[in-house]
PDB file of N, CA and C in Angstrom:
ATOM      1  N   UNK A   1     -70.449  69.438 -34.505  1.00  0.00           N
ATOM      2  CA  UNK A   1     -69.969  68.701 -35.646  1.00  0.00           C
ATOM      3  C   UNK A   1     -70.815  67.446 -35.805  1.00  0.00           C
ATOM      4  N   UNK A   2     -71.119  67.156 -37.038  1.00  0.00           N
ATOM      5  CA  UNK A   2     -72.009  66.031 -37.291  1.00  0.00           C
ATOM      6  C   UNK A   2     -71.237  64.721 -37.386  1.00  0.00           C
ATOM      7  N   UNK A   3     -71.953  63.649 -37.202  1.00  0.00           N
ATOM      8  CA  UNK A   3     -71.382  62.305 -37.322  1.00  0.00           C
ATOM      9  C   UNK A   3     -70.837  62.097 -38.737  1.00  0.00           C
ATOM     10  N   UNK A   4     -71.534  62.628 -39.741  1.00  0.00           N
ATOM     11  CA  UNK A   4     -71.080  62.508 -41.134  1.00  0.00           C
ATOM     12  C   UNK A   4     -69.714  63.159 -41.338  1.00  0.00           C
ATOM     13  N   UNK A   5     -69.489  64.299 -40.700  1.00  0.00           N
ATOM     14  CA  UNK A   5     -68.199  64.985 -40.834  1.00  0.00           C
ATOM     15  C   UNK A   5     -67.076  64.163 -40.211  1.00  0.00           C
ATOM     16  N   UNK A   6     -67.328  63.562 -39.056  1.00  0.00           N
ATOM     17  CA  UNK A   6     -66.321  62.723 -38.409  1.00  0.00           C
ATOM     18  C   UNK A   6     -66.013  61.516 -39.281  1.00  0.00           C
ATOM     19  N   UNK A   7     -67.055  60.876 -39.787  1.00  0.00           N
ATOM     20  CA  UNK A   7     -66.859  59.706 -40.645  1.00  0.00           C
ATOM     21  C   UNK A   7     -66.084  60.075 -41.911  1.00  0.00           C
ATOM     22  N   UNK A   8     -66.371  61.253 -42.481  1.00  0.00           N
ATOM     23  CA  UNK A   8     -65.664  61.704 -43.681  1.00  0.00           C
ATOM     24  C   UNK A   8     -64.186  61.920 -43.382  1.00  0.00           C
ATOM     25  N   UNK A   9     -63.862  62.504 -42.235  1.00  0.00           N
ATOM     26  CA  UNK A   9     -62.463  62.743 -41.868  1.00  0.00           C
ATOM     27  C   UNK A   9     -61.713  61.425 -41.664  1.00  0.00           C
ATOM     28  N   UNK A  10     -62.354  60.452 -41.038  1.00  0.00           N
ATOM     29  CA  UNK A  10     -61.718  59.146 -40.850  1.00  0.00           C
ATOM     30  C   UNK A  10     -61.486  58.492 -42.211  1.00  0.00           C
ATOM     31  N   UNK A  11     -62.472  58.586 -43.086  1.00  0.00           N
ATOM     32  CA  UNK A  11     -62.314  58.020 -44.434  1.00  0.00           C
ATOM     33  C   UNK A  11     -61.184  58.714 -45.189  1.00  0.00           C
ATOM     34  N   UNK A  12     -61.061  60.031 -45.043  1.00  0.00           N
ATOM     35  CA  UNK A  12     -59.971  60.768 -45.690  1.00  0.00           C
ATOM     36  C   UNK A  12     -58.613  60.281 -45.189  1.00  0.00           C
ATOM     37  N   UNK A  13     -58.507  60.034 -43.883  1.00  0.00           N
ATOM     38  CA  UNK A  13     -57.247  59.538 -43.323  1.00  0.00           C
ATOM     39  C   UNK A  13     -56.920  58.159 -43.878  1.00  0.00           C
ATOM     40  N   UNK A  14     -57.944  57.323 -44.023  1.00  0.00           N
ATOM     41  CA  UNK A  14     -57.725  55.988 -44.581  1.00  0.00           C
ATOM     42  C   UNK A  14     -57.295  56.089 -46.046  1.00  0.00           C
ATOM     43  N   UNK A  15     -57.958  56.953 -46.811  1.00  0.00           N
ATOM     44  CA  UNK A  15     -57.606  57.113 -48.222  1.00  0.00           C
ATOM     45  C   UNK A  15     -56.208  57.676 -48.386  1.00  0.00           C
ATOM     46  N   UNK A  16     -55.801  58.549 -47.484  1.00  0.00           N
ATOM     47  CA  UNK A  16     -54.455  59.096 -47.540  1.00  0.00           C
ATOM     48  C   UNK A  16     -53.435  57.975 -47.408  1.00  0.00           C
ATOM     49  N   UNK A  17     -53.708  57.027 -46.526  1.00  0.00           N
ATOM     50  CA  UNK A  17     -52.811  55.887 -46.363  1.00  0.00           C
ATOM     51  C   UNK A  17     -52.683  55.074 -47.622  1.00  0.00           C
ATOM     52  N   UNK A  18     -53.785  54.881 -48.312  1.00  0.00           N
ATOM     53  CA  UNK A  18     -53.756  54.124 -49.564  1.00  0.00           C
ATOM     54  C   UNK A  18     -53.008  54.919 -50.618  1.00  0.00           C
ATOM     55  N   UNK A  19     -53.267  56.217 -50.714  1.00  0.00           N
ATOM     56  CA  UNK A  19     -52.622  57.056 -51.720  1.00  0.00           C
ATOM     57  C   UNK A  19     -51.115  57.133 -51.533  1.00  0.00           C
ATOM     58  N   UNK A  20     -50.646  57.035 -50.299  1.00  0.00           N
ATOM     59  CA  UNK A  20     -49.208  57.124 -50.032  1.00  0.00           C
ATOM     60  C   UNK A  20     -48.485  55.812 -50.292  1.00  0.00           C
ATOM     61  N   UNK A  21     -49.182  54.829 -50.826  1.00  0.00           N
ATOM     62  CA  UNK A  21     -48.593  53.532 -51.170  1.00  0.00           C
ATOM     63  C   UNK A  21     -47.826  52.931 -49.998  1.00  0.00           C
ATOM     64  N   UNK A  22     -48.494  52.748 -48.902  1.00  0.00           N
ATOM     65  CA  UNK A  22     -47.841  52.214 -47.704  1.00  0.00           C
ATOM     66  C   UNK A  22     -47.328  50.808 -47.895  1.00  0.00           C
ATOM     67  N   UNK A  23     -47.844  50.108 -48.889  1.00  0.00           N
ATOM     68  CA  UNK A  23     -47.427  48.734 -49.096  1.00  0.00           C
ATOM     69  C   UNK A  23     -46.172  48.638 -49.958  1.00  0.00           C
ATOM     70  N   UNK A  24     -45.705  49.754 -50.522  1.00  0.00           N
ATOM     71  CA  UNK A  24     -44.550  49.751 -51.411  1.00  0.00           C
ATOM     72  C   UNK A  24     -43.310  50.324 -50.745  1.00  0.00           C
ATOM     73  N   UNK A  25     -43.261  50.298 -49.424  1.00  0.00           N
ATOM     74  CA  UNK A  25     -42.102  50.833 -48.703  1.00  0.00           C
ATOM     75  C   UNK A  25     -40.840  50.076 -49.074  1.00  0.00           C
ATOM     76  N   UNK A  26     -39.779  50.804 -49.382  1.00  0.00           N
ATOM     77  CA  UNK A  26     -38.507  50.182 -49.724  1.00  0.00           C
ATOM     78  C   UNK A  26     -37.624  49.989 -48.505  1.00  0.00           C
ATOM     79  N   UNK A  27     -38.032  50.546 -47.370  1.00  0.00           N
ATOM     80  CA  UNK A  27     -37.175  50.529 -46.190  1.00  0.00           C
ATOM     81  C   UNK A  27     -36.829  49.127 -45.724  1.00  0.00           C
ATOM     82  N   UNK A  28     -37.774  48.423 -45.207  1.00  0.00           N
ATOM     83  CA  UNK A  28     -37.531  47.140 -44.558  1.00  0.00           C
ATOM     84  C   UNK A  28     -38.574  46.143 -45.042  1.00  0.00           C
ATOM     85  N   UNK A  29     -38.134  44.946 -45.332  1.00  0.00           N
ATOM     86  CA  UNK A  29     -39.057  43.903 -45.782  1.00  0.00           C
ATOM     87  C   UNK A  29     -40.007  43.555 -44.639  1.00  0.00           C
ATOM     88  N   UNK A  30     -41.300  43.564 -44.913  1.00  0.00           N
ATOM     89  CA  UNK A  30     -42.293  43.264 -43.899  1.00  0.00           C
ATOM     90  C   UNK A  30     -43.006  41.979 -44.300  1.00  0.00           C
ATOM     91  N   UNK A  31     -42.840  40.929 -43.503  1.00  0.00           N
ATOM     92  CA  UNK A  31     -43.425  39.632 -43.817  1.00  0.00           C
ATOM     93  C   UNK A  31     -44.877  39.509 -43.379  1.00  0.00           C
ATOM     94  N   UNK A  32     -45.421  40.553 -42.759  1.00  0.00           N
ATOM     95  CA  UNK A  32     -46.807  40.489 -42.300  1.00  0.00           C
ATOM     96  C   UNK A  32     -47.763  40.619 -43.480  1.00  0.00           C
ATOM     97  N   UNK A  33     -49.002  40.175 -43.253  1.00  0.00           N
ATOM     98  CA  UNK A  33     -50.000  40.306 -44.306  1.00  0.00           C
ATOM     99  C   UNK A  33     -50.331  41.785 -44.520  1.00  0.00           C
ATOM    100  N   UNK A  34     -50.795  42.148 -45.728  1.00  0.00           N
ATOM    101  CA  UNK A  34     -51.080  43.558 -46.022  1.00  0.00           C
ATOM    102  C   UNK A  34     -52.100  44.190 -45.076  1.00  0.00           C
ATOM    103  N   UNK A  35     -53.055  43.409 -44.588  1.00  0.00           N
ATOM    104  CA  UNK A  35     -54.038  43.952 -43.661  1.00  0.00           C
ATOM    105  C   UNK A  35     -53.383  44.411 -42.361  1.00  0.00           C
ATOM    106  N   UNK A  36     -52.378  43.662 -41.888  1.00  0.00           N
ATOM    107  CA  UNK A  36     -51.665  44.048 -40.663  1.00  0.00           C
ATOM    108  C   UNK A  36     -50.867  45.324 -40.880  1.00  0.00           C
ATOM    109  N   UNK A  37     -50.250  45.444 -42.045  1.00  0.00           N
ATOM    110  CA  UNK A  37     -49.482  46.656 -42.367  1.00  0.00           C
ATOM    111  C   UNK A  37     -50.418  47.857 -42.406  1.00  0.00           C
ATOM    112  N   UNK A  38     -51.568  47.698 -43.062  1.00  0.00           N
ATOM    113  CA  UNK A  38     -52.539  48.781 -43.169  1.00  0.00           C
ATOM    114  C   UNK A  38     -53.097  49.142 -41.799  1.00  0.00           C
ATOM    115  N   UNK A  39     -53.370  48.137 -40.965  1.00  0.00           N
ATOM    116  CA  UNK A  39     -53.866  48.379 -39.607  1.00  0.00           C
ATOM    117  C   UNK A  39     -52.869  49.222 -38.817  1.00  0.00           C
ATOM    118  N   UNK A  40     -51.595  48.873 -38.870  1.00  0.00           N
ATOM    119  CA  UNK A  40     -50.568  49.642 -38.155  1.00  0.00           C
ATOM    120  C   UNK A  40     -50.473  51.069 -38.671  1.00  0.00           C
ATOM    121  N   UNK A  41     -50.553  51.222 -39.999  1.00  0.00           N
ATOM    122  CA  UNK A  41     -50.493  52.564 -40.581  1.00  0.00           C
ATOM    123  C   UNK A  41     -51.650  53.417 -40.058  1.00  0.00           C
ATOM    124  N   UNK A  42     -52.865  52.864 -40.113  1.00  0.00           N
ATOM    125  CA  UNK A  42     -54.026  53.608 -39.640  1.00  0.00           C
ATOM    126  C   UNK A  42     -53.924  53.905 -38.147  1.00  0.00           C
ATOM    127  N   UNK A  43     -53.451  52.947 -37.372  1.00  0.00           N
ATOM    128  CA  UNK A  43     -53.294  53.140 -35.935  1.00  0.00           C
ATOM    129  C   UNK A  43     -52.388  54.334 -35.655  1.00  0.00           C
ATOM    130  N   UNK A  44     -51.305  54.441 -36.404  1.00  0.00           N
ATOM    131  CA  UNK A  44     -50.369  55.552 -36.219  1.00  0.00           C
ATOM    132  C   UNK A  44     -50.937  56.891 -36.669  1.00  0.00           C
ATOM    133  N   UNK A  45     -51.713  56.913 -37.744  1.00  0.00           N
ATOM    134  CA  UNK A  45     -52.149  58.172 -38.332  1.00  0.00           C
ATOM    135  C   UNK A  45     -53.506  58.667 -37.855  1.00  0.00           C
ATOM    136  N   UNK A  46     -54.369  57.792 -37.421  1.00  0.00           N
ATOM    137  CA  UNK A  46     -55.687  58.230 -36.945  1.00  0.00           C
ATOM    138  C   UNK A  46     -55.581  58.834 -35.551  1.00  0.00           C
ATOM    139  N   UNK A  47     -54.572  58.467 -34.793  1.00  0.00           N
ATOM    140  CA  UNK A  47     -54.420  58.973 -33.430  1.00  0.00           C
ATOM    141  C   UNK A  47     -54.343  60.493 -33.373  1.00  0.00           C
ATOM    142  N   UNK A  48     -53.875  61.129 -34.441  1.00  0.00           N
ATOM    143  CA  UNK A  48     -53.712  62.583 -34.455  1.00  0.00           C
ATOM    144  C   UNK A  48     -54.896  63.310 -35.079  1.00  0.00           C
ATOM    145  N   UNK A  49     -55.955  62.604 -35.400  1.00  0.00           N
ATOM    146  CA  UNK A  49     -57.098  63.188 -36.085  1.00  0.00           C
ATOM    147  C   UNK A  49     -57.846  64.162 -35.182  1.00  0.00           C
ATOM    148  N   UNK A  50     -58.136  65.326 -35.723  1.00  0.00           N
ATOM    149  CA  UNK A  50     -58.903  66.356 -35.031  1.00  0.00           C
ATOM    150  C   UNK A  50     -59.925  66.885 -36.032  1.00  0.00           C
ATOM    151  N   UNK A  51     -61.199  66.702 -35.726  1.00  0.00           N
ATOM    152  CA  UNK A  51     -62.258  67.153 -36.618  1.00  0.00           C
ATOM    153  C   UNK A  51     -62.995  68.293 -35.941  1.00  0.00           C
ATOM    154  N   UNK A  52     -62.649  69.497 -36.330  1.00  0.00           N
ATOM    155  CA  UNK A  52     -63.299  70.689 -35.796  1.00  0.00           C
ATOM    156  C   UNK A  52     -63.440  70.647 -34.281  1.00  0.00           C
ATOM    157  N   UNK A  53     -62.358  70.340 -33.610  1.00  0.00           N
ATOM    158  CA  UNK A  53     -62.358  70.352 -32.158  1.00  0.00           C
ATOM    159  C   UNK A  53     -62.659  69.032 -31.491  1.00  0.00           C
ATOM    160  N   UNK A  54     -63.150  68.054 -32.217  1.00  0.00           N
ATOM    161  CA  UNK A  54     -63.365  66.733 -31.643  1.00  0.00           C
ATOM    162  C   UNK A  54     -62.151  65.888 -32.011  1.00  0.00           C
ATOM    163  N   UNK A  55     -61.434  65.460 -30.995  1.00  0.00           N
ATOM    164  CA  UNK A  55     -60.187  64.736 -31.207  1.00  0.00           C
ATOM    165  C   UNK A  55     -60.361  63.252 -30.917  1.00  0.00           C
ATOM    166  N   UNK A  56     -59.482  62.488 -31.513  1.00  0.00           N
ATOM    167  CA  UNK A  56     -59.421  61.060 -31.204  1.00  0.00           C
ATOM    168  C   UNK A  56     -58.820  60.922 -29.812  1.00  0.00           C
ATOM    169  N   UNK A  57     -59.528  60.242 -28.941  1.00  0.00           N
ATOM    170  CA  UNK A  57     -59.033  60.036 -27.581  1.00  0.00           C
ATOM    171  C   UNK A  57     -58.122  58.810 -27.522  1.00  0.00           C
ATOM    172  N   UNK A  58     -58.563  57.693 -28.132  1.00  0.00           N
ATOM    173  CA  UNK A  58     -57.787  56.449 -28.115  1.00  0.00           C
ATOM    174  C   UNK A  58     -58.108  55.640 -29.356  1.00  0.00           C
ATOM    175  N   UNK A  59     -57.133  54.851 -29.790  1.00  0.00           N
ATOM    176  CA  UNK A  59     -57.332  53.923 -30.901  1.00  0.00           C
ATOM    177  C   UNK A  59     -56.802  52.570 -30.454  1.00  0.00           C
ATOM    178  N   UNK A  60     -57.617  51.544 -30.616  1.00  0.00           N
ATOM    179  CA  UNK A  60     -57.244  50.188 -30.236  1.00  0.00           C
ATOM    180  C   UNK A  60     -57.432  49.271 -31.435  1.00  0.00           C
ATOM    181  N   UNK A  61     -56.644  48.223 -31.516  1.00  0.00           N
ATOM    182  CA  UNK A  61     -56.903  47.204 -32.531  1.00  0.00           C
ATOM    183  C   UNK A  61     -58.022  46.304 -32.011  1.00  0.00           C
ATOM    184  N   UNK A  62     -58.689  45.609 -32.932  1.00  0.00           N
ATOM    185  CA  UNK A  62     -59.715  44.653 -32.522  1.00  0.00           C
ATOM    186  C   UNK A  62     -59.116  43.636 -31.549  1.00  0.00           C
ATOM    187  N   UNK A  63     -57.895  43.218 -31.832  1.00  0.00           N
ATOM    188  CA  UNK A  63     -57.226  42.237 -30.977  1.00  0.00           C
ATOM    189  C   UNK A  63     -57.033  42.786 -29.565  1.00  0.00           C
ATOM    190  N   UNK A  64     -56.639  44.067 -29.456  1.00  0.00           N
ATOM    191  CA  UNK A  64     -56.407  44.696 -28.146  1.00  0.00           C
ATOM    192  C   UNK A  64     -57.651  44.676 -27.260  1.00  0.00           C
ATOM    193  N   UNK A  65     -58.821  44.883 -27.874  1.00  0.00           N
ATOM    194  CA  UNK A  65     -60.047  44.961 -27.075  1.00  0.00           C
ATOM    195  C   UNK A  65     -60.824  43.657 -27.058  1.00  0.00           C
ATOM    196  N   UNK A  66     -60.284  42.627 -27.701  1.00  0.00           N
ATOM    197  CA  UNK A  66     -60.891  41.305 -27.628  1.00  0.00           C
ATOM    198  C   UNK A  66     -62.098  41.080 -28.517  1.00  0.00           C
ATOM    199  N   UNK A  67     -62.204  41.829 -29.610  1.00  0.00           N
ATOM    200  CA  UNK A  67     -63.302  41.591 -30.548  1.00  0.00           C
ATOM    201  C   UNK A  67     -63.033  40.278 -31.271  1.00  0.00           C
ATOM    202  N   UNK A  68     -63.981  39.369 -31.193  1.00  0.00           N
ATOM    203  CA  UNK A  68     -63.806  38.044 -31.771  1.00  0.00           C
ATOM    204  C   UNK A  68     -64.147  38.056 -33.258  1.00  0.00           C
ATOM    205  N   UNK A  69     -63.129  38.198 -34.073  1.00  0.00           N
ATOM    206  CA  UNK A  69     -63.279  38.197 -35.515  1.00  0.00           C
ATOM    207  C   UNK A  69     -61.950  37.811 -36.141  1.00  0.00           C
ATOM    208  N   UNK A  70     -61.998  37.313 -37.346  1.00  0.00           N
ATOM    209  CA  UNK A  70     -60.760  37.031 -38.077  1.00  0.00           C
ATOM    210  C   UNK A  70     -60.273  38.256 -38.829  1.00  0.00           C
ATOM    211  N   UNK A  71     -61.126  39.270 -38.932  1.00  0.00           N
ATOM    212  CA  UNK A  71     -60.771  40.500 -39.629  1.00  0.00           C
ATOM    213  C   UNK A  71     -59.862  41.360 -38.763  1.00  0.00           C
ATOM    214  N   UNK A  72     -59.051  42.137 -39.413  1.00  0.00           N
ATOM    215  CA  UNK A  72     -58.274  43.164 -38.726  1.00  0.00           C
ATOM    216  C   UNK A  72     -59.145  44.407 -38.646  1.00  0.00           C
ATOM    217  N   UNK A  73     -58.862  45.256 -37.674  1.00  0.00           N
ATOM    218  CA  UNK A  73     -59.618  46.497 -37.584  1.00  0.00           C
ATOM    219  C   UNK A  73     -59.259  47.291 -36.357  1.00  0.00           C
ATOM    220  N   UNK A  74     -59.865  48.460 -36.260  1.00  0.00           N
ATOM    221  CA  UNK A  74     -59.581  49.392 -35.174  1.00  0.00           C
ATOM    222  C   UNK A  74     -60.875  49.870 -34.529  1.00  0.00           C
ATOM    223  N   UNK A  75     -60.785  50.175 -33.255  1.00  0.00           N
ATOM    224  CA  UNK A  75     -61.846  50.850 -32.527  1.00  0.00           C
ATOM    225  C   UNK A  75     -61.308  52.246 -32.230  1.00  0.00           C
ATOM    226  N   UNK A  76     -62.030  53.261 -32.717  1.00  0.00           N
ATOM    227  CA  UNK A  76     -61.607  54.650 -32.560  1.00  0.00           C
ATOM    228  C   UNK A  76     -62.566  55.326 -31.594  1.00  0.00           C
ATOM    229  N   UNK A  77     -62.035  55.778 -30.469  1.00  0.00           N
ATOM    230  CA  UNK A  77     -62.852  56.463 -29.461  1.00  0.00           C
ATOM    231  C   UNK A  77     -62.520  57.948 -29.512  1.00  0.00           C
ATOM    232  N   UNK A  78     -63.574  58.751 -29.717  1.00  0.00           N
ATOM    233  CA  UNK A  78     -63.409  60.201 -29.795  1.00  0.00           C
ATOM    234  C   UNK A  78     -63.576  60.808 -28.408  1.00  0.00           C
ATOM    235  N   UNK A  79     -63.029  62.017 -28.207  1.00  0.00           N
ATOM    236  CA  UNK A  79     -63.113  62.629 -26.881  1.00  0.00           C
ATOM    237  C   UNK A  79     -64.521  63.124 -26.543  1.00  0.00           C
ATOM    238  N   UNK A  80     -65.443  63.122 -27.520  1.00  0.00           N
ATOM    239  CA  UNK A  80     -66.831  63.486 -27.223  1.00  0.00           C
ATOM    240  C   UNK A  80     -67.661  62.275 -26.812  1.00  0.00           C
ATOM    241  N   UNK A  81     -67.001  61.093 -26.715  1.00  0.00           N
ATOM    242  CA  UNK A  81     -67.681  59.879 -26.295  1.00  0.00           C
ATOM    243  C   UNK A  81     -68.124  58.973 -27.429  1.00  0.00           C
ATOM    244  N   UNK A  82     -68.096  59.469 -28.656  1.00  0.00           N
ATOM    245  CA  UNK A  82     -68.500  58.617 -29.777  1.00  0.00           C
ATOM    246  C   UNK A  82     -67.406  57.585 -30.053  1.00  0.00           C
ATOM    247  N   UNK A  83     -67.811  56.499 -30.670  1.00  0.00           N
ATOM    248  CA  UNK A  83     -66.886  55.395 -30.944  1.00  0.00           C
ATOM    249  C   UNK A  83     -67.166  54.853 -32.336  1.00  0.00           C
ATOM    250  N   UNK A  84     -66.102  54.512 -33.045  1.00  0.00           N
ATOM    251  CA  UNK A  84     -66.213  53.977 -34.396  1.00  0.00           C
ATOM    252  C   UNK A  84     -65.398  52.687 -34.483  1.00  0.00           C
ATOM    253  N   UNK A  85     -65.886  51.765 -35.301  1.00  0.00           N
ATOM    254  CA  UNK A  85     -65.121  50.563 -35.597  1.00  0.00           C
ATOM    255  C   UNK A  85     -64.799  50.554 -37.084  1.00  0.00           C
ATOM    256  N   UNK A  86     -63.522  50.389 -37.400  1.00  0.00           N
ATOM    257  CA  UNK A  86     -63.067  50.318 -38.781  1.00  0.00           C
ATOM    258  C   UNK A  86     -62.598  48.905 -39.039  1.00  0.00           C
ATOM    259  N   UNK A  87     -63.267  48.211 -39.923  1.00  0.00           N
ATOM    260  CA  UNK A  87     -62.892  46.845 -40.262  1.00  0.00           C
ATOM    261  C   UNK A  87     -62.070  46.860 -41.538  1.00  0.00           C
ATOM    262  N   UNK A  88     -60.951  46.140 -41.524  1.00  0.00           N
ATOM    263  CA  UNK A  88     -60.070  46.068 -42.691  1.00  0.00           C
ATOM    264  C   UNK A  88     -60.264  44.701 -43.338  1.00  0.00           C
ATOM    265  N   UNK A  89     -60.850  44.723 -44.527  1.00  0.00           N
ATOM    266  CA  UNK A  89     -61.136  43.500 -45.252  1.00  0.00           C
ATOM    267  C   UNK A  89     -60.616  43.675 -46.673  1.00  0.00           C
ATOM    268  N   UNK A  90     -59.779  42.739 -47.110  1.00  0.00           N
ATOM    269  CA  UNK A  90     -59.277  42.788 -48.478  1.00  0.00           C
ATOM    270  C   UNK A  90     -60.435  42.474 -49.425  1.00  0.00           C
ATOM    271  N   UNK A  91     -60.698  43.382 -50.366  1.00  0.00           N
ATOM    272  CA  UNK A  91     -61.821  43.187 -51.276  1.00  0.00           C
ATOM    273  C   UNK A  91     -61.397  42.650 -52.632  1.00  0.00           C
ATOM    274  N   UNK A  92     -60.145  42.786 -52.969  1.00  0.00           N
ATOM    275  CA  UNK A  92     -59.627  42.200 -54.214  1.00  0.00           C
ATOM    276  C   UNK A  92     -58.205  41.769 -54.019  1.00  0.00           C
TER     277      UNK A  92
END
Protein backbone atom coordinates (compact mmCIF):
# COMPACT_ATOMS: atom_id res chain seq x y z
CA UNK A 1 0.00 0.00 0.00
CA UNK A 2 1.30 3.38 -0.92
CA UNK A 3 1.81 6.38 1.32
CA UNK A 4 -0.72 8.28 -0.83
CA UNK A 5 -3.41 5.68 -0.08
CA UNK A 6 -2.80 5.94 3.68
CA UNK A 7 -2.90 9.73 3.53
CA UNK A 8 -6.14 9.60 1.49
CA UNK A 9 -7.79 7.31 4.07
CA UNK A 10 -6.79 9.60 6.94
CA UNK A 11 -8.14 12.59 5.02
CA UNK A 12 -11.41 10.70 4.38
CA UNK A 13 -11.76 10.03 8.12
CA UNK A 14 -11.18 13.71 8.85
CA UNK A 15 -13.72 14.78 6.21
CA UNK A 16 -16.25 12.34 7.62
CA UNK A 17 -15.95 14.11 10.96
CA UNK A 18 -16.64 17.45 9.36
CA UNK A 19 -19.56 16.08 7.33
CA UNK A 20 -21.19 14.62 10.45
CA UNK A 21 -21.36 18.12 11.97
CA UNK A 22 -19.54 17.19 15.16
CA UNK A 23 -19.74 20.76 16.34
CA UNK A 24 -23.57 20.81 16.29
CA UNK A 25 -24.13 18.09 18.89
CA UNK A 26 -27.30 18.69 20.89
CA UNK A 27 -26.33 16.27 23.64
CA UNK A 28 -24.18 18.21 26.08
CA UNK A 29 -22.87 21.76 26.02
CA UNK A 30 -19.12 21.69 25.40
CA UNK A 31 -17.24 24.78 26.55
CA UNK A 32 -14.00 23.70 24.88
CA UNK A 33 -12.69 25.40 21.77
CA UNK A 34 -13.76 23.82 18.44
CA UNK A 35 -10.22 22.60 17.76
CA UNK A 36 -10.29 20.54 20.99
CA UNK A 37 -13.65 19.03 20.05
CA UNK A 38 -12.37 18.15 16.58
CA UNK A 39 -9.15 16.69 18.04
CA UNK A 40 -11.15 14.40 20.35
CA UNK A 41 -13.42 13.33 17.50
CA UNK A 42 -10.45 12.43 15.30
CA UNK A 43 -8.70 10.67 18.18
CA UNK A 44 -11.74 8.45 18.66
CA UNK A 45 -12.34 7.70 14.97
CA UNK A 46 -8.84 7.37 13.52
CA UNK A 47 -7.93 4.65 16.02
CA UNK A 48 -10.05 2.15 14.06
CA UNK A 49 -8.59 3.01 10.65
CA UNK A 50 -7.44 0.07 8.54
CA UNK A 51 -6.03 0.75 5.08
CA UNK A 52 -5.71 -2.47 3.13
CA UNK A 53 -4.19 -4.33 6.05
CA UNK A 54 -2.15 -1.50 7.53
CA UNK A 55 -3.78 -0.53 10.80
CA UNK A 56 -3.37 2.39 13.13
CA UNK A 57 -1.26 1.18 16.02
CA UNK A 58 -1.56 4.25 18.30
CA UNK A 59 -2.87 7.80 18.21
CA UNK A 60 -1.54 10.50 20.53
CA UNK A 61 -2.35 14.17 20.89
CA UNK A 62 0.48 16.65 20.39
CA UNK A 63 0.14 17.44 24.09
CA UNK A 64 0.53 13.74 25.05
CA UNK A 65 3.86 13.43 23.24
CA UNK A 66 5.16 16.86 24.21
CA UNK A 67 5.20 18.57 20.82
CA UNK A 68 5.82 22.23 21.56
CA UNK A 69 3.17 24.10 19.61
CA UNK A 70 0.05 26.13 20.28
CA UNK A 71 -1.78 24.13 17.61
CA UNK A 72 -3.87 21.10 18.39
CA UNK A 73 -3.07 17.91 16.54
CA UNK A 74 -2.45 14.20 16.53
CA UNK A 75 0.44 11.85 15.93
CA UNK A 76 -0.78 8.71 14.16
CA UNK A 77 1.50 5.67 14.29
CA UNK A 78 0.73 2.86 11.87
CA UNK A 79 1.57 -0.78 12.55
CA UNK A 80 3.97 -0.79 9.57
CA UNK A 81 6.13 1.78 11.39
CA UNK A 82 5.05 4.85 9.45
CA UNK A 83 3.99 7.92 11.40
CA UNK A 84 1.83 10.90 10.50
CA UNK A 85 1.20 14.23 12.19
CA UNK A 86 -2.17 15.90 11.74
CA UNK A 87 -2.24 19.55 12.72
CA UNK A 88 -5.62 21.15 13.46
CA UNK A 89 -5.62 24.82 12.56
CA UNK A 90 -8.75 26.93 12.19
CA UNK A 91 -8.57 28.50 8.73
CA UNK A 92 -11.70 30.63 8.88
